[in-house]
């Protein structure tokens, strides 16, 4: 019984040490190591069906088809709050204006609503 208790204690200690070894810190002003380093919506986002890839950079966005690379839409975006963004542009296929309001619910998820009330989710592509 004594040996079993020692083996169990050593296993628990080894698991705890392995867990601690996996933890890393990068300082109070830095994102955790391995986290997306983009600020706000900057970067690439893919729709839930995987058909469109939107890239946000410097106040402009472009959306391309993931299968052909064909540009589907482009325009501009403005952060209207710490986690909210307004997107305006043109659908290049329909030659019509597009407008969306989105909420950055996490560093990897953007919940959007079109001006016509259609909801969709974009996921950050790393």
Protein backbone atom coordinates (compact mmCIF):
# COMPACT_ATOMS: atom_id res chain seq x y z
CA UNK A 1 0.00 0.00 0.00
CA UNK A 2 2.90 2.32 0.83
CA UNK A 3 4.47 1.77 -2.62
CA UNK A 4 1.16 2.43 -4.37
CA UNK A 5 0.77 5.72 -2.46
CA UNK A 6 4.32 6.80 -3.41
CA UNK A 7 3.75 5.96 -7.08
CA UNK A 8 0.47 7.90 -7.05
CA UNK A 9 2.12 10.90 -5.36
CA UNK A 10 4.96 10.86 -7.87
CA UNK A 11 2.49 10.65 -10.77
CA UNK A 12 0.51 13.63 -9.47
CA UNK A 13 3.71 15.63 -8.93
CA UNK A 14 4.99 14.76 -12.43
CA UNK A 15 1.67 15.78 -14.00
CA UNK A 16 1.69 19.07 -12.10
CA UNK A 17 5.29 19.78 -13.17
CA UNK A 18 4.44 19.00 -16.80
CA UNK A 19 1.46 21.34 -16.60
CA UNK A 20 3.59 24.12 -15.16
CA UNK A 21 6.28 23.57 -17.77
CA UNK A 22 3.67 24.04 -20.50
CA UNK A 23 2.69 27.44 -19.09
CA UNK A 24 4.62 30.41 -20.40
CA UNK A 25 4.27 34.09 -19.82
CA UNK A 26 5.21 37.00 -21.97
CA UNK A 27 4.85 39.90 -19.54
CA UNK A 28 1.88 41.98 -18.46
CA UNK A 29 1.70 44.11 -21.62
CA UNK A 30 2.19 41.26 -24.08
CA UNK A 31 -0.37 38.76 -25.39
CA UNK A 32 0.16 35.15 -24.29
CA UNK A 33 2.69 33.31 -26.42
CA UNK A 34 0.91 31.61 -29.29
CA UNK A 35 -2.06 34.00 -29.22
CA UNK A 36 -3.00 35.99 -32.29
CA UNK A 37 -0.98 39.18 -32.31
CA UNK A 38 -3.37 41.15 -34.50
CA UNK A 39 -5.14 44.11 -32.97
CA UNK A 40 -8.91 44.41 -33.40
CA UNK A 41 -10.01 43.04 -36.75
CA UNK A 42 -6.65 43.37 -38.50
CA UNK A 43 -5.82 40.15 -40.32
CA UNK A 44 -7.62 37.45 -42.28
CA UNK A 45 -11.08 36.06 -41.50
CA UNK A 46 -12.99 33.19 -43.08
CA UNK A 47 -16.75 32.70 -43.23
CA UNK A 48 -18.48 29.71 -41.61
CA UNK A 49 -18.84 27.84 -44.92
CA UNK A 50 -15.19 28.42 -45.81
CA UNK A 51 -16.08 30.04 -49.13
CA UNK A 52 -14.87 33.61 -48.57
CA UNK A 53 -11.68 34.98 -47.04
CA UNK A 54 -11.78 38.60 -45.88
CA UNK A 55 -8.60 40.51 -45.13
CA UNK A 56 -8.72 43.66 -42.99
CA UNK A 57 -5.73 45.97 -42.98
CA UNK A 58 -5.24 49.69 -42.43
CA UNK A 59 -8.93 50.59 -42.71
CA UNK A 60 -9.61 48.63 -45.92
CA UNK A 61 -10.95 45.15 -46.55
CA UNK A 62 -11.01 42.72 -49.45
CA UNK A 63 -12.96 39.47 -49.70
CA UNK A 64 -11.90 36.74 -52.12
CA UNK A 65 -13.35 33.34 -52.98
CA UNK A 66 -11.28 30.63 -51.30
CA UNK A 67 -11.58 28.24 -54.27
CA UNK A 68 -10.74 30.61 -57.16
CA UNK A 69 -9.14 33.65 -55.50
CA UNK A 70 -11.66 35.85 -57.34
CA UNK A 71 -12.26 39.17 -55.57
CA UNK A 72 -15.85 39.23 -54.30
CA UNK A 73 -16.01 42.50 -52.36
CA UNK A 74 -13.89 45.38 -51.16
CA UNK A 75 -14.29 48.55 -49.17
CA UNK A 76 -13.41 50.11 -45.86
CA UNK A 77 -13.96 49.52 -42.16
CA UNK A 78 -14.00 51.70 -39.09
CA UNK A 79 -13.71 50.65 -35.47
CA UNK A 80 -16.71 52.33 -33.82
CA UNK A 81 -15.82 51.09 -30.34
CA UNK A 82 -13.35 48.83 -28.60
CA UNK A 83 -15.06 45.71 -30.00
CA UNK A 84 -17.40 47.02 -32.70
CA UNK A 85 -16.66 47.66 -36.36
CA UNK A 86 -18.64 49.15 -39.22
CA UNK A 87 -17.87 47.76 -42.69
CA UNK A 88 -18.92 49.44 -45.94
CA UNK A 89 -18.04 48.41 -49.45
CA UNK A 90 -19.17 46.99 -52.76
CA UNK A 91 -20.15 43.50 -53.80
CA UNK A 92 -18.15 43.17 -57.03
CA UNK A 93 -20.31 40.33 -58.34
CA UNK A 94 -23.64 42.15 -57.84
CA UNK A 95 -22.18 45.66 -58.22
CA UNK A 96 -24.19 46.72 -55.16
CA UNK A 97 -23.21 48.42 -51.91
CA UNK A 98 -22.71 46.26 -48.82
CA UNK A 99 -22.85 47.37 -45.20
CA UNK A 100 -22.24 45.37 -42.03
CA UNK A 101 -21.96 45.99 -38.32
CA UNK A 102 -19.79 43.49 -36.50
CA UNK A 103 -18.90 42.71 -32.91
CA UNK A 104 -15.53 41.25 -32.00
CA UNK A 105 -16.67 38.68 -29.42
CA UNK A 106 -13.19 37.17 -29.03
CA UNK A 107 -9.79 37.50 -30.67
CA UNK A 108 -10.89 34.82 -33.12
CA UNK A 109 -14.63 35.43 -33.68
CA UNK A 110 -16.42 38.31 -35.38
CA UNK A 111 -20.26 38.26 -35.29
CA UNK A 112 -21.74 40.37 -38.08
CA UNK A 113 -25.14 41.63 -39.20
CA UNK A 114 -25.76 42.99 -42.68
CA UNK A 115 -27.85 46.10 -43.30
CA UNK A 116 -30.65 43.75 -44.41
CA UNK A 117 -30.52 41.88 -41.07
CA UNK A 118 -28.64 38.76 -42.17
CA UNK A 119 -26.33 37.36 -39.46
CA UNK A 120 -23.04 35.61 -40.11
CA UNK A 121 -19.83 34.71 -38.27
CA UNK A 122 -16.24 35.21 -39.36
CA UNK A 123 -13.41 33.25 -37.75
CA UNK A 124 -9.85 34.55 -37.63
CA UNK A 125 -7.54 32.61 -39.87
CA UNK A 126 -4.11 32.07 -38.34
